[in-house]
Amino acid sequence: MTVTQPETQPSRGSSAPNIPGKYLSLTTYRRDGSPVSTPVWFVEEDGRLFVTTGAESYKAKRLRRNPVAMVAPCTARGALKGDSIPVRVDFLPAAEHARIDRLMAEKYRVDRILILPIYRLVMKLRRKPAGDARTGVYLAITP
């Protein structure tokens, strides 16, 4: 069964969705229209949500091709905790990366100390790049 992506483009200028917690399920779409959901860390500022990911991650590749996505609050494992809403995702210029890094550091202070080293170790053992500020992309999510 193929699930189709949202037909309408999200409107710009809407207020940011109220997403509680630390994790956001970001659903992007393959070429055939099938959805792929990934739990990610996020921050909110001025009506937009911000996410970082590896520049060569599949979600970044899918978003370069199609910026329409869905977001919903979720657990660390990706179990949805609320309704999904349609959004548009844009890649941020390098000038904005430091500001988003500061926001992420404030929100995920303890998690960055405890979880990131474990994540990087697992990625190294799997022989996959873990991604960092030098190789990552920054995404602005607008409802």
N, C-alpha and C. Protein backbone atom coordinates (compact mmCIF):
# COMPACT_ATOMS: atom_id res chain seq x y z
N MET A 1 0.84 -1.17 0.00
CA MET A 1 0.00 0.00 0.00
C MET A 1 0.89 1.24 0.00
N THR A 2 0.66 2.12 -0.92
CA THR A 2 1.42 3.36 -1.02
C THR A 2 0.62 4.51 -0.44
N VAL A 3 1.25 5.22 0.48
CA VAL A 3 0.63 6.40 1.07
C VAL A 3 1.12 7.60 0.30
N THR A 4 0.22 8.45 -0.08
CA THR A 4 0.63 9.62 -0.87
C THR A 4 0.93 10.79 0.04
N GLN A 5 1.78 11.65 -0.46
CA GLN A 5 2.18 12.83 0.30
C GLN A 5 1.09 13.90 0.25
N PRO A 6 1.17 14.89 1.13
CA PRO A 6 0.16 15.96 1.12
C PRO A 6 0.14 16.65 -0.23
N GLU A 7 -1.05 16.94 -0.71
CA GLU A 7 -1.22 17.54 -2.03
C GLU A 7 -0.98 19.04 -2.02
N THR A 8 -1.32 19.69 -0.92
CA THR A 8 -1.22 21.14 -0.89
C THR A 8 0.09 21.58 -0.29
N GLN A 9 0.57 22.70 -0.74
CA GLN A 9 1.77 23.30 -0.18
C GLN A 9 1.38 24.03 1.10
N PRO A 10 2.16 23.84 2.18
CA PRO A 10 1.86 24.57 3.40
C PRO A 10 2.01 26.06 3.18
N SER A 11 1.20 26.83 3.88
CA SER A 11 1.28 28.28 3.72
C SER A 11 2.41 28.84 4.56
N ARG A 12 3.07 29.85 4.05
CA ARG A 12 4.15 30.50 4.80
C ARG A 12 3.53 31.54 5.73
N GLY A 13 4.24 31.81 6.80
CA GLY A 13 3.80 32.85 7.70
C GLY A 13 2.89 32.33 8.81
N SER A 14 2.61 31.03 8.84
CA SER A 14 1.80 30.48 9.92
C SER A 14 2.64 30.41 11.18
N SER A 15 1.99 30.31 12.31
CA SER A 15 2.75 30.19 13.55
C SER A 15 3.25 28.75 13.68
N ALA A 16 4.32 28.59 14.44
CA ALA A 16 4.92 27.26 14.62
C ALA A 16 3.95 26.37 15.37
N PRO A 17 3.95 25.11 15.04
CA PRO A 17 3.09 24.19 15.78
C PRO A 17 3.62 24.03 17.19
N ASN A 18 2.73 23.75 18.12
CA ASN A 18 3.13 23.52 19.50
C ASN A 18 3.54 22.07 19.63
N ILE A 19 4.83 21.80 19.52
CA ILE A 19 5.36 20.44 19.61
C ILE A 19 6.07 20.33 20.95
N PRO A 20 5.46 19.62 21.89
CA PRO A 20 6.10 19.46 23.20
C PRO A 20 7.20 18.39 23.13
N GLY A 21 8.09 18.41 24.09
CA GLY A 21 9.08 17.36 24.21
C GLY A 21 10.36 17.62 23.44
N LYS A 22 11.16 16.57 23.34
CA LYS A 22 12.49 16.67 22.75
C LYS A 22 12.56 16.13 21.33
N TYR A 23 11.56 15.37 20.91
CA TYR A 23 11.65 14.70 19.62
C TYR A 23 10.51 15.08 18.69
N LEU A 24 10.87 15.18 17.42
CA LEU A 24 9.94 15.53 16.37
C LEU A 24 10.03 14.44 15.31
N SER A 25 8.90 13.90 14.91
CA SER A 25 8.90 12.95 13.81
C SER A 25 8.83 13.75 12.52
N LEU A 26 9.87 13.65 11.72
CA LEU A 26 9.94 14.34 10.43
C LEU A 26 9.69 13.30 9.34
N THR A 27 8.58 13.45 8.64
CA THR A 27 8.22 12.52 7.58
C THR A 27 8.50 13.16 6.23
N THR A 28 9.39 12.51 5.47
CA THR A 28 9.73 12.95 4.12
C THR A 28 9.22 11.88 3.15
N TYR A 29 9.33 12.17 1.86
CA TYR A 29 8.73 11.27 0.87
C TYR A 29 9.72 10.81 -0.19
N ARG A 30 9.71 9.51 -0.43
CA ARG A 30 10.53 8.93 -1.49
C ARG A 30 9.97 9.34 -2.85
N ARG A 31 10.70 9.01 -3.90
CA ARG A 31 10.26 9.33 -5.26
C ARG A 31 8.90 8.72 -5.59
N ASP A 32 8.64 7.52 -5.04
CA ASP A 32 7.36 6.85 -5.32
C ASP A 32 6.23 7.36 -4.43
N GLY A 33 6.51 8.33 -3.56
CA GLY A 33 5.48 8.91 -2.70
C GLY A 33 5.34 8.23 -1.35
N SER A 34 6.09 7.16 -1.10
CA SER A 34 5.96 6.48 0.19
C SER A 34 6.66 7.30 1.28
N PRO A 35 6.03 7.40 2.45
CA PRO A 35 6.59 8.22 3.53
C PRO A 35 7.70 7.50 4.29
N VAL A 36 8.63 8.28 4.80
CA VAL A 36 9.71 7.79 5.65
C VAL A 36 9.78 8.73 6.84
N SER A 37 9.53 8.21 8.04
CA SER A 37 9.54 9.04 9.26
C SER A 37 10.82 8.81 10.05
N THR A 38 11.36 9.90 10.60
CA THR A 38 12.58 9.84 11.39
C THR A 38 12.42 10.74 12.61
N PRO A 39 12.72 10.22 13.82
CA PRO A 39 12.70 11.10 14.99
C PRO A 39 13.98 11.96 15.00
N VAL A 40 13.82 13.25 15.24
CA VAL A 40 14.95 14.17 15.26
C VAL A 40 14.81 15.14 16.43
N TRP A 41 15.95 15.69 16.89
CA TRP A 41 15.93 16.77 17.85
C TRP A 41 15.53 18.04 17.10
N PHE A 42 14.89 18.96 17.81
CA PHE A 42 14.44 20.20 17.17
C PHE A 42 14.42 21.33 18.18
N VAL A 43 14.42 22.56 17.66
CA VAL A 43 14.21 23.76 18.48
C VAL A 43 13.21 24.63 17.75
N GLU A 44 12.58 25.54 18.49
CA GLU A 44 11.60 26.47 17.91
C GLU A 44 12.06 27.89 18.17
N GLU A 45 11.87 28.74 17.16
CA GLU A 45 12.16 30.16 17.32
C GLU A 45 11.40 30.94 16.25
N ASP A 46 10.74 32.00 16.66
CA ASP A 46 10.05 32.91 15.74
C ASP A 46 9.11 32.21 14.76
N GLY A 47 8.33 31.27 15.26
CA GLY A 47 7.33 30.62 14.42
C GLY A 47 7.84 29.53 13.51
N ARG A 48 9.11 29.14 13.67
CA ARG A 48 9.66 28.07 12.84
C ARG A 48 10.34 27.04 13.73
N LEU A 49 10.40 25.83 13.23
CA LEU A 49 11.14 24.76 13.89
C LEU A 49 12.45 24.58 13.14
N PHE A 50 13.50 24.17 13.87
CA PHE A 50 14.81 23.97 13.25
C PHE A 50 15.35 22.60 13.62
N VAL A 51 15.98 21.96 12.64
CA VAL A 51 16.52 20.61 12.79
C VAL A 51 17.89 20.59 12.11
N THR A 52 18.79 19.78 12.63
CA THR A 52 20.05 19.54 11.93
C THR A 52 20.13 18.07 11.55
N THR A 53 20.82 17.79 10.46
CA THR A 53 21.01 16.42 10.00
C THR A 53 22.24 16.37 9.12
N GLY A 54 22.71 15.18 8.83
CA GLY A 54 23.86 15.02 7.96
C GLY A 54 23.56 15.48 6.54
N ALA A 55 24.51 16.12 5.91
CA ALA A 55 24.31 16.64 4.56
C ALA A 55 24.01 15.52 3.56
N GLU A 56 24.55 14.35 3.80
CA GLU A 56 24.34 13.23 2.89
C GLU A 56 23.31 12.22 3.41
N SER A 57 22.55 12.61 4.44
CA SER A 57 21.52 11.71 4.95
C SER A 57 20.41 11.56 3.90
N TYR A 58 19.72 10.45 3.95
CA TYR A 58 18.65 10.23 2.98
C TYR A 58 17.53 11.25 3.14
N LYS A 59 17.26 11.66 4.39
CA LYS A 59 16.19 12.66 4.56
C LYS A 59 16.57 13.98 3.91
N ALA A 60 17.85 14.37 4.00
CA ALA A 60 18.30 15.60 3.34
C ALA A 60 18.18 15.46 1.82
N LYS A 61 18.54 14.31 1.30
CA LYS A 61 18.43 14.09 -0.15
C LYS A 61 16.97 14.15 -0.60
N ARG A 62 16.07 13.53 0.19
CA ARG A 62 14.65 13.57 -0.17
C ARG A 62 14.11 15.00 -0.11
N LEU A 63 14.54 15.77 0.90
CA LEU A 63 14.07 17.15 1.05
C LEU A 63 14.61 18.08 -0.03
N ARG A 64 15.78 17.81 -0.55
CA ARG A 64 16.30 18.61 -1.66
C ARG A 64 15.40 18.44 -2.89
N ARG A 65 14.89 17.24 -3.06
CA ARG A 65 14.03 16.94 -4.20
C ARG A 65 12.60 17.43 -3.98
N ASN A 66 12.11 17.30 -2.74
CA ASN A 66 10.72 17.65 -2.42
C ASN A 66 10.66 18.24 -1.02
N PRO A 67 10.48 19.55 -0.87
CA PRO A 67 10.51 20.19 0.45
C PRO A 67 9.22 20.03 1.27
N VAL A 68 8.23 19.34 0.74
CA VAL A 68 6.98 19.12 1.48
C VAL A 68 7.18 17.93 2.41
N ALA A 69 6.78 18.09 3.68
CA ALA A 69 6.94 17.04 4.67
C ALA A 69 5.79 17.11 5.68
N MET A 70 5.86 16.24 6.66
CA MET A 70 4.90 16.23 7.78
C MET A 70 5.72 16.17 9.07
N VAL A 71 5.20 16.79 10.14
CA VAL A 71 5.85 16.70 11.45
C VAL A 71 4.81 16.37 12.51
N ALA A 72 5.27 15.71 13.58
CA ALA A 72 4.42 15.37 14.71
C ALA A 72 5.31 15.14 15.92
N PRO A 73 4.80 15.38 17.12
CA PRO A 73 5.58 15.04 18.31
C PRO A 73 5.73 13.53 18.38
N CYS A 74 6.88 13.08 18.89
CA CYS A 74 7.11 11.63 18.98
C CYS A 74 8.06 11.31 20.12
N THR A 75 8.26 10.02 20.35
CA THR A 75 9.24 9.54 21.33
C THR A 75 10.59 9.42 20.63
N ALA A 76 11.62 9.09 21.40
CA ALA A 76 12.97 8.91 20.84
C ALA A 76 13.00 7.80 19.81
N ARG A 77 12.12 6.83 19.93
CA ARG A 77 12.07 5.72 18.97
C ARG A 77 11.13 5.99 17.80
N GLY A 78 10.46 7.14 17.81
CA GLY A 78 9.62 7.52 16.68
C GLY A 78 8.14 7.23 16.83
N ALA A 79 7.70 6.74 17.99
CA ALA A 79 6.27 6.50 18.20
C ALA A 79 5.56 7.85 18.32
N LEU A 80 4.58 8.07 17.47
CA LEU A 80 3.88 9.36 17.45
C LEU A 80 3.13 9.60 18.74
N LYS A 81 3.16 10.87 19.21
CA LYS A 81 2.46 11.28 20.42
C LYS A 81 1.40 12.33 20.12
N GLY A 82 1.13 12.58 18.84
CA GLY A 82 0.16 13.59 18.46
C GLY A 82 -0.10 13.53 16.97
N ASP A 83 -0.93 14.46 16.51
CA ASP A 83 -1.29 14.51 15.10
C ASP A 83 -0.16 15.10 14.25
N SER A 84 -0.07 14.64 13.02
CA SER A 84 0.90 15.17 12.06
C SER A 84 0.32 16.39 11.36
N ILE A 85 1.19 17.33 11.04
CA ILE A 85 0.77 18.52 10.29
C ILE A 85 1.68 18.70 9.08
N PRO A 86 1.16 19.21 7.97
CA PRO A 86 1.98 19.44 6.78
C PRO A 86 2.88 20.66 6.97
N VAL A 87 4.10 20.57 6.45
CA VAL A 87 5.07 21.65 6.58
C VAL A 87 5.89 21.77 5.29
N ARG A 88 6.63 22.86 5.21
CA ARG A 88 7.61 23.05 4.14
C ARG A 88 8.97 23.15 4.82
N VAL A 89 9.97 22.52 4.24
CA VAL A 89 11.31 22.50 4.81
C VAL A 89 12.27 23.22 3.87
N ASP A 90 13.03 24.17 4.43
CA ASP A 90 14.02 24.91 3.67
C ASP A 90 15.40 24.71 4.30
N PHE A 91 16.43 24.71 3.47
CA PHE A 91 17.80 24.60 3.95
C PHE A 91 18.29 25.99 4.31
N LEU A 92 18.90 26.11 5.49
CA LEU A 92 19.38 27.41 5.97
C LEU A 92 20.78 27.70 5.46
N PRO A 93 21.08 29.00 5.23
CA PRO A 93 22.44 29.39 4.83
C PRO A 93 23.40 29.25 6.02
N ALA A 94 24.67 29.14 5.73
CA ALA A 94 25.70 28.95 6.76
C ALA A 94 25.69 30.06 7.81
N ALA A 95 25.27 31.25 7.46
CA ALA A 95 25.26 32.37 8.40
C ALA A 95 24.34 32.12 9.60
N GLU A 96 23.36 31.25 9.46
CA GLU A 96 22.41 30.98 10.54
C GLU A 96 22.78 29.75 11.37
N HIS A 97 23.79 29.00 10.99
CA HIS A 97 24.12 27.75 11.68
C HIS A 97 24.51 27.96 13.14
N ALA A 98 25.33 28.97 13.43
CA ALA A 98 25.80 29.20 14.81
C ALA A 98 24.62 29.49 15.74
N ARG A 99 23.64 30.25 15.26
CA ARG A 99 22.47 30.57 16.10
C ARG A 99 21.68 29.30 16.42
N ILE A 100 21.50 28.44 15.44
CA ILE A 100 20.75 27.20 15.67
C ILE A 100 21.55 26.28 16.59
N ASP A 101 22.87 26.25 16.43
CA ASP A 101 23.71 25.45 17.33
C ASP A 101 23.54 25.90 18.78
N ARG A 102 23.48 27.23 19.00
CA ARG A 102 23.29 27.75 20.37
C ARG A 102 21.94 27.33 20.93
N LEU A 103 20.89 27.43 20.11
CA LEU A 103 19.56 27.01 20.57
C LEU A 103 19.53 25.52 20.91
N MET A 104 20.15 24.71 20.08
CA MET A 104 20.20 23.26 20.32
C MET A 104 20.98 22.97 21.61
N ALA A 105 22.10 23.67 21.81
CA ALA A 105 22.92 23.46 23.00
C ALA A 105 22.14 23.81 24.27
N GLU A 106 21.33 24.85 24.21
CA GLU A 106 20.52 25.23 25.38
C GLU A 106 19.46 24.17 25.68
N LYS A 107 18.77 23.70 24.66
CA LYS A 107 17.67 22.77 24.87
C LYS A 107 18.16 21.36 25.22
N TYR A 108 19.24 20.93 24.61
CA TYR A 108 19.71 19.55 24.76
C TYR A 108 21.04 19.47 25.51
N ARG A 109 21.22 20.32 26.50
CA ARG A 109 22.47 20.39 27.26
C ARG A 109 22.91 19.03 27.78
N VAL A 110 22.08 18.36 28.54
CA VAL A 110 22.43 17.06 29.13
C VAL A 110 22.49 15.98 28.05
N ASP A 111 21.56 16.01 27.13
CA ASP A 111 21.52 15.00 26.08
C ASP A 111 22.79 15.02 25.22
N ARG A 112 23.32 16.21 24.96
CA ARG A 112 24.53 16.33 24.15
C ARG A 112 25.72 15.72 24.87
N ILE A 113 25.72 15.77 26.20
CA ILE A 113 26.82 15.21 26.98
C ILE A 113 26.67 13.69 27.09
N LEU A 114 25.45 13.21 27.31
CA LEU A 114 25.24 11.78 27.54
C LEU A 114 24.95 10.96 26.28
N ILE A 115 24.13 11.48 25.40
CA ILE A 115 23.65 10.69 24.26
C ILE A 115 24.54 10.81 23.03
N LEU A 116 25.01 12.00 22.70
CA LEU A 116 25.79 12.18 21.47
C LEU A 116 27.06 11.31 21.42
N PRO A 117 27.83 11.20 22.51
CA PRO A 117 29.01 10.33 22.43
C PRO A 117 28.65 8.86 22.14
N ILE A 118 27.56 8.39 22.71
CA ILE A 118 27.12 7.02 22.45
C ILE A 118 26.69 6.88 21.00
N TYR A 119 25.94 7.85 20.49
CA TYR A 119 25.50 7.82 19.10
C TYR A 119 26.71 7.80 18.16
N ARG A 120 27.69 8.66 18.43
CA ARG A 120 28.88 8.71 17.57
C ARG A 120 29.66 7.40 17.61
N LEU A 121 29.73 6.77 18.78
CA LEU A 121 30.41 5.48 18.91
C LEU A 121 29.69 4.41 18.08
N VAL A 122 28.37 4.37 18.19
CA VAL A 122 27.59 3.40 17.42
C VAL A 122 27.79 3.62 15.93
N MET A 123 27.75 4.87 15.49
CA MET A 123 27.94 5.17 14.07
C MET A 123 29.35 4.77 13.61
N LYS A 124 30.34 4.97 14.47
CA LYS A 124 31.71 4.58 14.13
C LYS A 124 31.82 3.06 14.01
N LEU A 125 31.19 2.34 14.92
CA LEU A 125 31.20 0.88 14.86
C LEU A 125 30.50 0.36 13.61
N ARG A 126 29.48 1.08 13.17
CA ARG A 126 28.76 0.71 11.94
C ARG A 126 29.47 1.20 10.69
N ARG A 127 30.59 1.92 10.89
CA ARG A 127 31.38 2.49 9.79
C ARG A 127 30.55 3.46 8.95
N LYS A 128 29.76 4.26 9.64
CA LYS A 128 28.96 5.28 8.97
C LYS A 128 29.35 6.64 9.54
N PRO A 129 29.32 7.68 8.72
CA PRO A 129 29.64 9.01 9.25
C PRO A 129 28.54 9.47 10.20
N ALA A 130 28.93 9.98 11.36
CA ALA A 130 27.95 10.45 12.35
C ALA A 130 27.46 11.84 12.02
N GLY A 131 28.21 12.58 11.24
CA GLY A 131 27.80 13.95 10.92
C GLY A 131 28.10 14.88 12.09
N ASP A 132 28.45 16.08 11.78
CA ASP A 132 28.68 17.10 12.79
C ASP A 132 28.43 18.46 12.15
N ALA A 133 28.76 19.51 12.87
CA ALA A 133 28.47 20.86 12.38
C ALA A 133 29.18 21.15 11.05
N ARG A 134 30.32 20.50 10.81
CA ARG A 134 31.05 20.76 9.57
C ARG A 134 30.41 20.05 8.38
N THR A 135 29.74 18.93 8.62
CA THR A 135 29.18 18.16 7.50
C THR A 135 27.66 18.13 7.51
N GLY A 136 27.05 18.90 8.39
CA GLY A 136 25.61 18.86 8.52
C GLY A 136 24.90 19.96 7.75
N VAL A 137 23.59 19.78 7.63
CA VAL A 137 22.74 20.81 7.06
C VAL A 137 21.73 21.22 8.13
N TYR A 138 21.26 22.44 8.03
CA TYR A 138 20.32 22.99 8.99
C TYR A 138 19.02 23.26 8.26
N LEU A 139 17.94 22.76 8.83
CA LEU A 139 16.64 22.83 8.19
C LEU A 139 15.69 23.74 8.96
N ALA A 140 14.98 24.59 8.24
CA ALA A 140 13.92 25.43 8.83
C ALA A 140 12.60 24.84 8.39
N ILE A 141 11.74 24.57 9.35
CA ILE A 141 10.45 23.92 9.10
C ILE A 141 9.35 24.95 9.36
N THR A 142 8.56 25.20 8.33
CA THR A 142 7.48 26.19 8.42
C THR A 142 6.15 25.53 8.13
N PRO A 143 5.16 25.68 9.05
CA PRO A 143 3.84 25.08 8.79
C PRO A 143 3.13 25.75 7.62
